C-alpha atoms as a PDB file:
ATOM      1  CA  MET A   1      -2.390 -74.043  84.782  1.00  0.00           C
ATOM      2  CA  THR A   2      -4.276 -72.102  82.131  1.00  0.00           C
ATOM      3  CA  GLY A   3      -5.268 -74.092  79.060  1.00  0.00           C
ATOM      4  CA  ASP A   4      -7.713 -76.630  77.637  1.00  0.00           C
ATOM      5  CA  ALA A   5      -8.682 -79.205  80.280  1.00  0.00           C
ATOM      6  CA  ARG A   6      -9.647 -81.661  77.562  1.00  0.00           C
ATOM      7  CA  VAL A   7      -5.994 -82.247  76.734  1.00  0.00           C
ATOM      8  CA  ALA A   8      -4.888 -83.135  80.281  1.00  0.00           C
ATOM      9  CA  VAL A   9      -4.150 -86.800  80.976  1.00  0.00           C
ATOM     10  CA  ILE A  10      -4.242 -88.038  84.588  1.00  0.00           C
ATOM     11  CA  TYR A  11      -1.299 -90.132  85.799  1.00  0.00           C
ATOM     12  CA  GLY A  12      -0.091 -91.643  89.037  1.00  0.00           C
ATOM     13  CA  SER A  13       3.465 -90.298  89.235  1.00  0.00           C
ATOM     14  CA  VAL A  14       6.100 -88.148  87.613  1.00  0.00           C
ATOM     15  CA  THR A  15       8.020 -91.240  86.514  1.00  0.00           C
ATOM     16  CA  GLU A  16       4.958 -92.525  84.693  1.00  0.00           C
ATOM     17  CA  HIS A  17       4.075 -89.403  82.784  1.00  0.00           C
ATOM     18  CA  GLU A  18       7.705 -88.548  82.007  1.00  0.00           C
ATOM     19  CA  THR A  19       7.906 -91.955  80.341  1.00  0.00           C
ATOM     20  CA  MET A  20       4.675 -91.337  78.470  1.00  0.00           C
ATOM     21  CA  ALA A  21       5.752 -87.893  77.299  1.00  0.00           C
ATOM     22  CA  GLN A  22       9.120 -89.010  76.035  1.00  0.00           C
ATOM     23  CA  VAL A  23       8.682 -92.567  74.802  1.00  0.00           C
ATOM     24  CA  GLY A  24       4.978 -92.259  73.982  1.00  0.00           C
ATOM     25  CA  ALA A  25       5.608 -89.193  71.858  1.00  0.00           C
ATOM     26  CA  MET A  26       8.464 -90.844  69.971  1.00  0.00           C
ATOM     27  CA  LEU A  27       6.440 -93.976  69.232  1.00  0.00           C
ATOM     28  CA  GLY A  28       3.162 -92.170  68.632  1.00  0.00           C
ATOM     29  CA  ARG A  29       4.512 -89.685  66.140  1.00  0.00           C
ATOM     30  CA  PHE A  30       7.315 -91.592  64.503  1.00  0.00           C
ATOM     31  CA  GLY A  31       6.471 -95.286  64.919  1.00  0.00           C
ATOM     32  CA  VAL A  32       9.206 -97.700  65.946  1.00  0.00           C
ATOM     33  CA  SER A  33      12.024 -96.307  63.804  1.00  0.00           C
ATOM     34  CA  TYR A  34      14.929 -95.254  65.997  1.00  0.00           C
ATOM     35  CA  ASP A  35      16.939 -93.139  63.561  1.00  0.00           C
ATOM     36  CA  GLU A  36      15.878 -89.937  65.303  1.00  0.00           C
ATOM     37  CA  THR A  37      17.413 -87.642  67.875  1.00  0.00           C
ATOM     38  CA  VAL A  38      16.232 -86.628  71.368  1.00  0.00           C
ATOM     39  CA  ILE A  39      17.706 -83.594  73.123  1.00  0.00           C
ATOM     40  CA  SER A  40      17.767 -83.139  76.911  1.00  0.00           C
ATOM     41  CA  PRO A  41      20.066 -81.330  79.367  1.00  0.00           C
ATOM     42  CA  HIS A  42      22.696 -83.091  81.487  1.00  0.00           C
ATOM     43  CA  ARG A  43      20.797 -81.878  84.572  1.00  0.00           C
ATOM     44  CA  SER A  44      17.475 -83.568  83.754  1.00  0.00           C
ATOM     45  CA  PRO A  45      15.431 -85.249  86.514  1.00  0.00           C
ATOM     46  CA  ARG A  46      16.308 -88.881  87.194  1.00  0.00           C
ATOM     47  CA  ALA A  47      13.224 -90.320  85.477  1.00  0.00           C
ATOM     48  CA  LEU A  48      13.898 -88.395  82.292  1.00  0.00           C
ATOM     49  CA  PHE A  49      17.658 -88.887  82.417  1.00  0.00           C
ATOM     50  CA  ASP A  50      17.279 -92.659  82.747  1.00  0.00           C
ATOM     51  CA  TRP A  51      14.759 -92.848  79.922  1.00  0.00           C
ATOM     52  CA  CYS A  52      17.133 -90.947  77.661  1.00  0.00           C
ATOM     53  CA  ALA A  53      19.753 -93.566  78.460  1.00  0.00           C
ATOM     54  CA  THR A  54      17.239 -96.323  77.689  1.00  0.00           C
ATOM     55  CA  LEU A  55      16.353 -94.803  74.312  1.00  0.00           C
ATOM     56  CA  GLU A  56      20.035 -94.380  73.584  1.00  0.00           C
ATOM     57  CA  SER A  57      20.651 -98.065  74.287  1.00  0.00           C
ATOM     58  CA  ARG A  58      17.948 -98.889  71.736  1.00  0.00           C
ATOM     59  CA  GLY A  59      19.535 -96.889  68.966  1.00  0.00           C
ATOM     60  CA  VAL A  60      18.035 -93.425  69.414  1.00  0.00           C
ATOM     61  CA  GLU A  61      20.630 -90.696  69.247  1.00  0.00           C
ATOM     62  CA  VAL A  62      20.428 -88.635  72.439  1.00  0.00           C
ATOM     63  CA  THR A  63      22.091 -85.246  72.740  1.00  0.00           C
ATOM     64  CA  PHE A  64      22.663 -83.970  76.276  1.00  0.00           C
ATOM     65  CA  LEU A  65      22.894 -80.186  76.379  1.00  0.00           C
ATOM     66  CA  PRO A  66      25.465 -78.425  78.568  1.00  0.00           C
ATOM     67  CA  VAL A  67      24.400 -75.917  81.196  1.00  0.00           C
ATOM     68  CA  THR A  68      26.088 -72.792  82.487  1.00  0.00           C
ATOM     69  CA  ALA A  69      27.650 -72.509  85.940  1.00  0.00           C
ATOM     70  CA  GLN A  70      24.257 -71.203  87.098  1.00  0.00           C
ATOM     71  CA  GLY A  71      22.492 -74.246  85.656  1.00  0.00           C
ATOM     72  CA  ILE A  72      20.887 -72.476  82.690  1.00  0.00           C
ATOM     73  CA  VAL A  73      20.332 -74.110  79.303  1.00  0.00           C
ATOM     74  CA  GLU A  74      21.177 -71.326  76.887  1.00  0.00           C
ATOM     75  CA  PRO A  75      18.964 -71.046  73.772  1.00  0.00           C
ATOM     76  CA  THR A  76      22.087 -70.840  71.616  1.00  0.00           C
ATOM     77  CA  ALA A  77      23.167 -74.270  72.911  1.00  0.00           C
ATOM     78  CA  LEU A  78      19.860 -75.806  71.840  1.00  0.00           C
ATOM     79  CA  LEU A  79      19.992 -74.081  68.467  1.00  0.00           C
ATOM     80  CA  ALA A  80      23.477 -75.487  67.854  1.00  0.00           C
ATOM     81  CA  ALA A  81      22.419 -78.992  68.886  1.00  0.00           C
ATOM     82  CA  LEU A  82      19.324 -79.260  66.673  1.00  0.00           C
ATOM     83  CA  LYS A  83      19.627 -81.606  63.705  1.00  0.00           C
ATOM     84  CA  PRO A  84      17.293 -82.370  60.808  1.00  0.00           C
ATOM     85  CA  ASN A  85      16.301 -85.618  62.535  1.00  0.00           C
ATOM     86  CA  THR A  86      15.686 -84.096  65.982  1.00  0.00           C
ATOM     87  CA  ARG A  87      12.177 -85.208  66.961  1.00  0.00           C
ATOM     88  CA  LEU A  88      11.848 -84.323  70.635  1.00  0.00           C
ATOM     89  CA  VAL A  89      13.364 -81.765  72.999  1.00  0.00           C
ATOM     90  CA  SER A  90      12.712 -82.293  76.716  1.00  0.00           C
ATOM     91  CA  ILE A  91      13.878 -79.673  79.229  1.00  0.00           C
ATOM     92  CA  MET A  92      12.966 -79.217  82.875  1.00  0.00           C
ATOM     93  CA  TYR A  93      11.186 -75.947  83.664  1.00  0.00           C
ATOM     94  CA  ALA A  94      12.520 -75.482  87.219  1.00  0.00           C
ATOM     95  CA  ASN A  95      15.216 -77.734  88.619  1.00  0.00           C
ATOM     96  CA  ASN A  96      14.295 -79.883  91.597  1.00  0.00           C
ATOM     97  CA  GLU A  97      17.644 -79.432  93.362  1.00  0.00           C
ATOM     98  CA  THR A  98      18.564 -75.806  92.717  1.00  0.00           C
ATOM     99  CA  GLY A  99      15.215 -74.253  91.783  1.00  0.00           C
ATOM    100  CA  VAL A 100      16.772 -72.636  88.682  1.00  0.00           C
ATOM    101  CA  ILE A 101      14.172 -71.674  86.060  1.00  0.00           C
ATOM    102  CA  GLN A 102      14.845 -72.244  82.370  1.00  0.00           C
ATOM    103  CA  PRO A 103      13.853 -69.856  79.524  1.00  0.00           C
ATOM    104  CA  ILE A 104      11.215 -72.344  78.387  1.00  0.00           C
ATOM    105  CA  ASP A 105       9.396 -69.983  76.028  1.00  0.00           C
ATOM    106  CA  ALA A 106      12.559 -69.331  74.006  1.00  0.00           C
ATOM    107  CA  LEU A 107      13.652 -72.983  74.068  1.00  0.00           C
ATOM    108  CA  ALA A 108      10.243 -74.256  72.963  1.00  0.00           C
ATOM    109  CA  GLY A 109      10.177 -71.737  70.117  1.00  0.00           C
ATOM    110  CA  ILE A 110      13.573 -72.926  68.881  1.00  0.00           C
ATOM    111  CA  ALA A 111      12.473 -76.576  69.035  1.00  0.00           C
ATOM    112  CA  HIS A 112       9.335 -75.828  67.015  1.00  0.00           C
ATOM    113  CA  ALA A 113      11.313 -73.864  64.430  1.00  0.00           C
ATOM    114  CA  GLY A 114      13.459 -76.965  63.987  1.00  0.00           C
ATOM    115  CA  GLY A 115      10.446 -79.241  63.560  1.00  0.00           C
ATOM    116  CA  ALA A 116      10.706 -80.986  66.940  1.00  0.00           C
ATOM    117  CA  LEU A 117       8.141 -81.556  69.661  1.00  0.00           C
ATOM    118  CA  PHE A 118       8.841 -79.844  72.981  1.00  0.00           C
ATOM    119  CA  HIS A 119       8.221 -81.330  76.438  1.00  0.00           C
ATOM    120  CA  THR A 120       8.882 -79.678  79.773  1.00  0.00           C
ATOM    121  CA  ASP A 121       8.894 -81.235  83.213  1.00  0.00           C
ATOM    122  CA  ALA A 122       7.132 -78.484  85.188  1.00  0.00           C
ATOM    123  CA  VAL A 123       6.801 -80.493  88.405  1.00  0.00           C
ATOM    124  CA  GLN A 124       8.823 -78.006  90.471  1.00  0.00           C
ATOM    125  CA  ALA A 125       7.090 -75.052  88.832  1.00  0.00           C
ATOM    126  CA  GLY A 126       3.560 -76.233  89.602  1.00  0.00           C
ATOM    127  CA  GLY A 127       1.902 -74.063  92.237  1.00  0.00           C
ATOM    128  CA  LYS A 128       4.887 -71.692  92.259  1.00  0.00           C
ATOM    129  CA  LEU A 129       4.819 -70.153  88.782  1.00  0.00           C
ATOM    130  CA  PRO A 130       1.943 -69.237  86.443  1.00  0.00           C
ATOM    131  CA  LEU A 131       1.631 -71.862  83.696  1.00  0.00           C
ATOM    132  CA  ASP A 132      -0.245 -70.604  80.646  1.00  0.00           C
ATOM    133  CA  VAL A 133      -0.294 -73.091  77.761  1.00  0.00           C
ATOM    134  CA  SER A 134      -3.201 -71.398  75.965  1.00  0.00           C
ATOM    135  CA  PRO A 135      -2.708 -70.376  72.294  1.00  0.00           C
ATOM    136  CA  HIS A 136      -1.621 -66.868  73.309  1.00  0.00           C
ATOM    137  CA  GLY A 137       0.078 -67.791  76.577  1.00  0.00           C
ATOM    138  CA  PHE A 138       3.682 -67.670  77.706  1.00  0.00           C
ATOM    139  CA  LEU A 139       4.045 -71.428  77.091  1.00  0.00           C
ATOM    140  CA  LYS A 140       2.150 -71.550  73.809  1.00  0.00           C
ATOM    141  CA  ASP A 141       4.923 -73.535  72.070  1.00  0.00           C
ATOM    142  CA  VAL A 142       5.035 -76.285  74.713  1.00  0.00           C
ATOM    143  CA  ASP A 143       3.571 -79.530  73.339  1.00  0.00           C
ATOM    144  CA  MET A 144       3.667 -81.548  76.553  1.00  0.00           C
ATOM    145  CA  LEU A 145       3.943 -80.454  80.185  1.00  0.00           C
ATOM    146  CA  THR A 146       4.060 -82.632  83.293  1.00  0.00           C
ATOM    147  CA  LEU A 147       2.882 -81.776  86.816  1.00  0.00           C
ATOM    148  CA  SER A 148       2.804 -83.756  90.066  1.00  0.00           C
ATOM    149  CA  GLY A 149       0.071 -82.982  92.571  1.00  0.00           C
ATOM    150  CA  HIS A 150       1.998 -83.454  95.796  1.00  0.00           C
ATOM    151  CA  LYS A 151       4.352 -80.626  94.824  1.00  0.00           C
ATOM    152  CA  PHE A 152       1.509 -78.159  95.354  1.00  0.00           C
ATOM    153  CA  TYR A 153      -0.299 -79.804  98.284  1.00  0.00           C
ATOM    154  CA  ALA A 154      -2.507 -82.301  96.431  1.00  0.00           C
ATOM    155  CA  PRO A 155      -2.375 -85.971  97.499  1.00  0.00           C
ATOM    156  CA  LYS A 156       0.552 -88.122  96.467  1.00  0.00           C
ATOM    157  CA  GLY A 157      -0.011 -90.489  93.594  1.00  0.00           C
ATOM    158  CA  ILE A 158      -1.728 -88.081  91.196  1.00  0.00           C
ATOM    159  CA  GLY A 159      -0.347 -85.991  88.350  1.00  0.00           C
ATOM    160  CA  ILE A 160      -1.112 -84.407  85.005  1.00  0.00           C
ATOM    161  CA  LEU A 161       0.404 -84.689  81.564  1.00  0.00           C
ATOM    162  CA  TYR A 162      -0.770 -81.790  79.410  1.00  0.00           C
ATOM    163  CA  VAL A 163      -0.754 -82.789  75.734  1.00  0.00           C
ATOM    164  CA  ARG A 164      -1.379 -80.200  73.046  1.00  0.00           C
ATOM    165  CA  ARG A 165      -4.043 -81.064  70.524  1.00  0.00           C
ATOM    166  CA  ASN A 166      -2.863 -83.085  67.509  1.00  0.00           C
ATOM    167  CA  VAL A 167       0.130 -84.514  69.395  1.00  0.00           C
ATOM    168  CA  ARG A 168      -0.069 -88.288  69.036  1.00  0.00           C
ATOM    169  CA  LEU A 169       1.032 -90.475  71.945  1.00  0.00           C
ATOM    170  CA  SER A 170       1.453 -94.223  72.013  1.00  0.00           C
ATOM    171  CA  PRO A 171       0.054 -95.516  75.351  1.00  0.00           C
ATOM    172  CA  MET A 172       2.341 -97.296  77.786  1.00  0.00           C
ATOM    173  CA  PHE A 173      -0.534 -99.365  79.186  1.00  0.00           C
ATOM    174  CA  HIS A 174      -3.256-101.213  77.316  1.00  0.00           C
ATOM    175  CA  GLY A 175      -6.563-102.686  78.426  1.00  0.00           C
ATOM    176  CA  GLY A 176      -9.015 -99.811  78.563  1.00  0.00           C
ATOM    177  CA  ALA A 177     -10.100 -96.601  76.864  1.00  0.00           C
ATOM    178  CA  HIS A 178      -9.492 -94.399  79.907  1.00  0.00           C
ATOM    179  CA  GLU A 179      -8.029 -90.926  79.431  1.00  0.00           C
ATOM    180  CA  ARG A 180      -8.938 -90.961  75.733  1.00  0.00           C
ATOM    181  CA  GLN A 181      -7.043 -94.234  75.238  1.00  0.00           C
ATOM    182  CA  ARG A 182      -3.812 -92.728  76.511  1.00  0.00           C
ATOM    183  CA  ARG A 183      -3.648 -94.333  79.949  1.00  0.00           C
ATOM    184  CA  ALA A 184      -5.619 -97.508  80.659  1.00  0.00           C
ATOM    185  CA  GLY A 185      -6.787 -98.077  84.232  1.00  0.00           C
ATOM    186  CA  THR A 186      -9.425 -96.827  86.649  1.00  0.00           C
ATOM    187  CA  GLU A 187      -8.916 -93.191  87.531  1.00  0.00           C
ATOM    188  CA  ASN A 188      -8.025 -92.144  91.063  1.00  0.00           C
ATOM    189  CA  VAL A 189     -11.135 -90.041  91.671  1.00  0.00           C
ATOM    190  CA  PRO A 190     -10.288 -88.833  95.223  1.00  0.00           C
ATOM    191  CA  GLY A 191      -6.823 -87.879  94.011  1.00  0.00           C
ATOM    192  CA  ILE A 192      -8.270 -85.999  91.044  1.00  0.00           C
ATOM    193  CA  VAL A 193     -10.622 -84.056  93.336  1.00  0.00           C
ATOM    194  CA  GLY A 194      -7.717 -83.197  95.632  1.00  0.00           C
ATOM    195  CA  LEU A 195      -5.644 -82.125  92.651  1.00  0.00           C
ATOM    196  CA  GLY A 196      -8.389 -79.801  91.453  1.00  0.00           C
ATOM    197  CA  LYS A 197      -8.816 -78.206  94.862  1.00  0.00           C
ATOM    198  CA  ALA A 198      -5.077 -77.786  95.346  1.00  0.00           C
ATOM    199  CA  THR A 199      -4.890 -76.051  91.967  1.00  0.00           C
ATOM    200  CA  GLU A 200      -7.583 -73.584  93.067  1.00  0.00           C
ATOM    201  CA  VAL A 201      -5.813 -72.850  96.352  1.00  0.00           C
ATOM    202  CA  CYS A 202      -2.409 -72.336  94.726  1.00  0.00           C
ATOM    203  CA  THR A 203      -3.879 -70.109  92.031  1.00  0.00           C
ATOM    204  CA  GLU A 204      -5.303 -67.815  94.711  1.00  0.00           C
ATOM    205  CA  TRP A 205      -1.985 -67.910  96.595  1.00  0.00           C
ATOM    206  CA  LEU A 206      -0.120 -66.778  93.474  1.00  0.00           C
ATOM    207  CA  LYS A 207      -2.632 -63.996  92.862  1.00  0.00           C
ATOM    208  CA  ALA A 208      -2.079 -62.812  96.451  1.00  0.00           C
ATOM    209  CA  ASP A 209       1.680 -62.469  95.768  1.00  0.00           C
ATOM    210  CA  GLY A 210       2.485 -65.527  97.865  1.00  0.00           C
ATOM    211  CA  ALA A 211       5.516 -66.465  95.776  1.00  0.00           C
ATOM    212  CA  THR A 212       7.140 -63.061  96.333  1.00  0.00           C
ATOM    213  CA  LYS A 213       6.669 -63.342 100.090  1.00  0.00           C
ATOM    214  CA  LEU A 214       8.072 -66.876 100.122  1.00  0.00           C
ATOM    215  CA  ALA A 215      11.092 -65.793  98.066  1.00  0.00           C
ATOM    216  CA  ALA A 216      11.805 -63.128 100.700  1.00  0.00           C
ATOM    217  CA  LEU A 217      11.979 -65.845 103.371  1.00  0.00           C
ATOM    218  CA  ARG A 218      14.254 -67.960 101.170  1.00  0.00           C
ATOM    219  CA  ASP A 219      16.531 -64.956 100.631  1.00  0.00           C
ATOM    220  CA  LYS A 220      16.657 -64.303 104.369  1.00  0.00           C
ATOM    221  CA  LEU A 221      17.675 -67.928 104.932  1.00  0.00           C
ATOM    222  CA  GLU A 222      20.427 -67.732 102.324  1.00  0.00           C
ATOM    223  CA  GLN A 223      21.778 -64.394 103.493  1.00  0.00           C
ATOM    224  CA  GLY A 224      21.737 -65.523 107.114  1.00  0.00           C
ATOM    225  CA  ILE A 225      23.691 -68.689 106.377  1.00  0.00           C
ATOM    226  CA  LEU A 226      26.237 -67.009 104.098  1.00  0.00           C
ATOM    227  CA  SER A 227      26.842 -64.184 106.589  1.00  0.00           C
ATOM    228  CA  GLN A 228      27.372 -66.515 109.545  1.00  0.00           C
ATOM    229  CA  VAL A 229      29.125 -69.500 107.959  1.00  0.00           C
ATOM    230  CA  ASP A 230      32.282 -69.073 105.905  1.00  0.00           C
ATOM    231  CA  GLU A 231      33.086 -71.107 102.782  1.00  0.00           C
ATOM    232  CA  THR A 232      29.480 -71.563 101.777  1.00  0.00           C
ATOM    233  CA  GLY A 233      27.612 -70.623  98.625  1.00  0.00           C
ATOM    234  CA  VAL A 234      24.295 -70.863  96.815  1.00  0.00           C
ATOM    235  CA  ASN A 235      24.224 -73.120  93.781  1.00  0.00           C
ATOM    236  CA  GLY A 236      22.513 -71.252  90.960  1.00  0.00           C
ATOM    237  CA  ALA A 237      22.888 -67.855  92.642  1.00  0.00           C
ATOM    238  CA  GLY A 238      21.946 -64.991  90.352  1.00  0.00           C
ATOM    239  CA  ALA A 239      19.730 -67.118  88.117  1.00  0.00           C
ATOM    240  CA  PRO A 240      15.930 -66.907  88.239  1.00  0.00           C
ATOM    241  CA  ARG A 241      14.695 -69.513  90.724  1.00  0.00           C
ATOM    242  CA  VAL A 242      11.423 -70.738  92.164  1.00  0.00           C
ATOM    243  CA  ALA A 243      10.658 -69.194  95.527  1.00  0.00           C
ATOM    244  CA  ASN A 244      10.766 -72.277  97.721  1.00  0.00           C
ATOM    245  CA  THR A 245      14.087 -73.935  96.888  1.00  0.00           C
ATOM    246  CA  THR A 246      17.697 -73.201  97.707  1.00  0.00           C
ATOM    247  CA  SER A 247      20.785 -75.365  97.292  1.00  0.00           C
ATOM    248  CA  ILE A 248      23.713 -74.444  99.528  1.00  0.00           C
ATOM    249  CA  TYR A 249      27.150 -76.009  99.782  1.00  0.00           C
ATOM    250  CA  PHE A 250      29.148 -76.148 103.027  1.00  0.00           C
ATOM    251  CA  ASP A 251      32.806 -76.792 102.248  1.00  0.00           C
ATOM    252  CA  HIS A 252      34.706 -79.216 104.525  1.00  0.00           C
ATOM    253  CA  VAL A 253      31.461 -80.881 105.622  1.00  0.00           C
ATOM    254  CA  GLU A 254      29.826 -84.068 104.382  1.00  0.00           C
ATOM    255  CA  ALA A 255      26.210 -83.287 103.566  1.00  0.00           C
ATOM    256  CA  GLU A 256      25.063 -86.609 104.995  1.00  0.00           C
ATOM    257  CA  ALA A 257      26.643 -85.850 108.368  1.00  0.00           C
ATOM    258  CA  LEU A 258      25.152 -82.360 108.418  1.00  0.00           C
ATOM    259  CA  LEU A 259      21.767 -83.712 107.404  1.00  0.00           C
ATOM    260  CA  ILE A 260      21.793 -86.083 110.394  1.00  0.00           C
ATOM    261  CA  ALA A 261      22.958 -83.347 112.768  1.00  0.00           C
ATOM    262  CA  LEU A 262      20.140 -81.060 111.633  1.00  0.00           C
ATOM    263  CA  ASP A 263      17.602 -83.861 111.810  1.00  0.00           C
ATOM    264  CA  LEU A 264      18.512 -84.413 115.463  1.00  0.00           C
ATOM    265  CA  LYS A 265      17.652 -80.747 116.009  1.00  0.00           C
ATOM    266  CA  GLY A 266      14.258 -81.189 114.355  1.00  0.00           C
ATOM    267  CA  LEU A 267      15.192 -79.623 111.027  1.00  0.00           C
ATOM    268  CA  SER A 268      14.240 -81.519 107.865  1.00  0.00           C
ATOM    269  CA  VAL A 269      16.495 -80.897 104.871  1.00  0.00           C
ATOM    270  CA  SER A 270      17.783 -83.118 102.075  1.00  0.00           C
ATOM    271  CA  GLY A 271      21.016 -83.988 100.347  1.00  0.00           C
ATOM    272  CA  GLY A 272      19.344 -83.648  96.941  1.00  0.00           C
ATOM    273  CA  SER A 273      16.069 -84.370  95.217  1.00  0.00           C
ATOM    274  CA  ALA A 274      13.716 -87.233  96.056  1.00  0.00           C
ATOM    275  CA  CYS A 275      14.760 -88.780  92.733  1.00  0.00           C
ATOM    276  CA  GLN A 276      18.290 -89.114  94.127  1.00  0.00           C
ATOM    277  CA  SER A 277      17.255 -90.915  97.328  1.00  0.00           C
ATOM    278  CA  GLY A 278      19.607 -93.790  98.025  1.00  0.00           C
ATOM    279  CA  ALA A 279      22.116 -92.731  95.363  1.00  0.00           C
ATOM    280  CA  SER A 280      25.796 -92.932  96.357  1.00  0.00           C
ATOM    281  CA  GLU A 281      27.108 -90.825  93.473  1.00  0.00           C
ATOM    282  CA  PRO A 282      27.276 -87.026  93.697  1.00  0.00           C
ATOM    283  CA  SER A 283      24.383 -85.141  92.118  1.00  0.00           C
ATOM    284  CA  HIS A 284      24.616 -85.145  88.320  1.00  0.00           C
ATOM    285  CA  VAL A 285      22.782 -81.814  88.395  1.00  0.00           C
ATOM    286  CA  LEU A 286      25.507 -80.132  90.438  1.00  0.00           C
ATOM    287  CA  THR A 287      28.452 -81.720  88.652  1.00  0.00           C
ATOM    288  CA  ALA A 288      26.942 -80.629  85.298  1.00  0.00           C
ATOM    289  CA  MET A 289      27.081 -77.072  86.677  1.00  0.00           C
ATOM    290  CA  GLY A 290      30.803 -77.483  87.252  1.00  0.00           C
ATOM    291  CA  LEU A 291      30.864 -78.352  90.959  1.00  0.00           C
ATOM    292  CA  SER A 292      33.488 -80.845  92.060  1.00  0.00           C
ATOM    293  CA  ALA A 293      32.304 -84.171  93.430  1.00  0.00           C
ATOM    294  CA  THR A 294      33.499 -83.035  96.867  1.00  0.00           C
ATOM    295  CA  ARG A 295      31.505 -79.813  96.795  1.00  0.00           C
ATOM    296  CA  ALA A 296      28.447 -81.598  95.398  1.00  0.00           C
ATOM    297  CA  ARG A 297      28.623 -83.997  98.345  1.00  0.00           C
ATOM    298  CA  ALA A 298      28.796 -80.985 100.680  1.00  0.00           C
ATOM    299  CA  THR A 299      25.501 -79.566  99.392  1.00  0.00           C
ATOM    300  CA  LEU A 300      22.123 -79.517 101.116  1.00  0.00           C
ATOM    301  CA  ARG A 301      18.767 -78.572  99.630  1.00  0.00           C
ATOM    302  CA  PHE A 302      16.382 -76.476 101.733  1.00  0.00           C
ATOM    303  CA  SER A 303      12.716 -76.486 100.732  1.00  0.00           C
ATOM    304  CA  LEU A 304      10.296 -73.918 102.106  1.00  0.00           C
ATOM    305  CA  SER A 305       6.524 -74.053 101.911  1.00  0.00           C
ATOM    306  CA  LYS A 306       3.765 -71.476 101.973  1.00  0.00           C
ATOM    307  CA  LEU A 307       3.351 -72.424 105.653  1.00  0.00           C
ATOM    308  CA  THR A 308       6.951 -71.470 106.533  1.00  0.00           C
ATOM    309  CA  THR A 309       7.188 -68.537 108.936  1.00  0.00           C
ATOM    310  CA  GLU A 310       9.853 -65.934 109.601  1.00  0.00           C
ATOM    311  CA  ALA A 311      10.191 -67.270 113.152  1.00  0.00           C
ATOM    312  CA  GLU A 312      11.078 -70.683 111.752  1.00  0.00           C
ATOM    313  CA  ILE A 313      13.754 -69.134 109.525  1.00  0.00           C
ATOM    314  CA  ASP A 314      15.195 -67.367 112.574  1.00  0.00           C
ATOM    315  CA  GLU A 315      15.328 -70.665 114.451  1.00  0.00           C
ATOM    316  CA  VAL A 316      17.065 -72.400 111.529  1.00  0.00           C
ATOM    317  CA  LEU A 317      19.679 -69.649 111.461  1.00  0.00           C
ATOM    318  CA  LYS A 318      20.499 -70.415 115.100  1.00  0.00           C
ATOM    319  CA  ILE A 319      20.916 -74.143 114.460  1.00  0.00           C
ATOM    320  CA  ILE A 320      22.936 -74.323 111.242  1.00  0.00           C
ATOM    321  CA  PRO A 321      26.072 -72.295 112.142  1.00  0.00           C
ATOM    322  CA  ALA A 322      26.634 -74.310 115.311  1.00  0.00           C
ATOM    323  CA  ALA A 323      26.093 -77.630 113.533  1.00  0.00           C
ATOM    324  CA  VAL A 324      28.501 -76.751 110.737  1.00  0.00           C
ATOM    325  CA  ALA A 325      31.135 -75.485 113.186  1.00  0.00           C
ATOM    326  CA  HIS A 326      30.955 -78.719 115.180  1.00  0.00           C
ATOM    327  CA  LEU A 327      31.370 -80.919 112.097  1.00  0.00           C
ATOM    328  CA  ARG A 328      34.240 -78.814 110.789  1.00  0.00           C
ATOM    329  CA  GLU A 329      36.098 -79.286 114.069  1.00  0.00           C
ATOM    330  CA  LEU A 330      36.080 -82.986 113.233  1.00  0.00           C
ATOM    331  CA  SER A 331      36.972 -82.502 109.561  1.00  0.00           C
ATOM    332  CA  PRO A 332      40.554 -83.288 108.498  1.00  0.00           C
ATOM    333  CA  THR A 333      40.104 -81.274 105.280  1.00  0.00           C
ATOM    334  CA  TYR A 334      39.109 -78.201 107.273  1.00  0.00           C
ATOM    335  CA  LYS A 335      42.262 -78.498 109.363  1.00  0.00           C
ATOM    336  CA  LYS A 336      44.447 -79.080 106.289  1.00  0.00           C
ATOM    337  CA  ALA A 337      43.055 -75.905 104.747  1.00  0.00           C
ATOM    338  CA  GLY A 338      44.703 -73.980 107.590  1.00  0.00           C
ATOM    339  CA  HIS A 339      41.714 -73.335 109.832  1.00  0.00           C
ATOM    340  CA  LEU A 340      42.440 -73.376 113.562  1.00  0.00           C
ATOM    341  CA  THR A 341      40.031 -74.136 116.338  1.00  0.00           C
ATOM    342  CA  VAL A 342      40.757 -72.057 119.434  1.00  0.00           C
ATOM    343  CA  THR A 343      39.465 -73.295 122.773  1.00  0.00           C
ATOM    344  CA  THR A 344      39.575 -71.478 126.107  1.00  0.00           C
END
């Protein structure tokens, strides 16, 4: 991230600094009056989504923006939703389930023109996209930006909340003057060192065109699955996406069953984001994009890393078609749809 290091606050988790960015900004700038409005998309990360609901329960008016079928928040939608009492707009930079990238520069500019602060959760963008919050940078209108170290190979339990100068935050914890009185508590020095080193490594990786090479592997994975397995699709296809993430639905298959089948073959995938772990409801991100609950429950997320090789992609493309075919043989919905299994 390019910007002023003096305005970075160290935190322990995304949940913590999302809370600080949203609630701390509301209290720090506007006191305890709750006659203001907060705007956030329907497809926000769980931590942010839940805090919006909490603010709403306390009297703050919360506006949830719609997204397109690709998962994009259109600038015109934000412009239409802004009100004279809108105080904070919070929009995720890159989605943690689909990888879809939002037009943050345009959205932040609209928020500022309407007199609101702008926060972006850039956790999924960290280490994968350039982040320039300097006065002349691409993200110059962003007031607050959150990053989590483990998303770009730093240790778990360390993160950053970038706060633009002159943005007042009310601390969530009291008892010390750490982090310029914004976050009381002894700093995690080893984690901070690891975070700094990981930032250096990822910066060099981006300069060496690592993201483009990783996107090529992701595209090969998607094309291989779609060409070999019928009734599948990429959620967010056609939209700009971070290089490492793809969300693919497999009709007539329960994602949980497929996840287990792939795990038994040594392939680690997920049924959604880490924020959704243990949730029984279909992904609110996917349903906001217009997917049915059934299709959302048939979706798996594949996450690549800069260590992923082409040989590994080739191996995955041998495993998935067979696993899906086996589960569909057992699926009553697949049979009802008129598909026949021929044995010899």
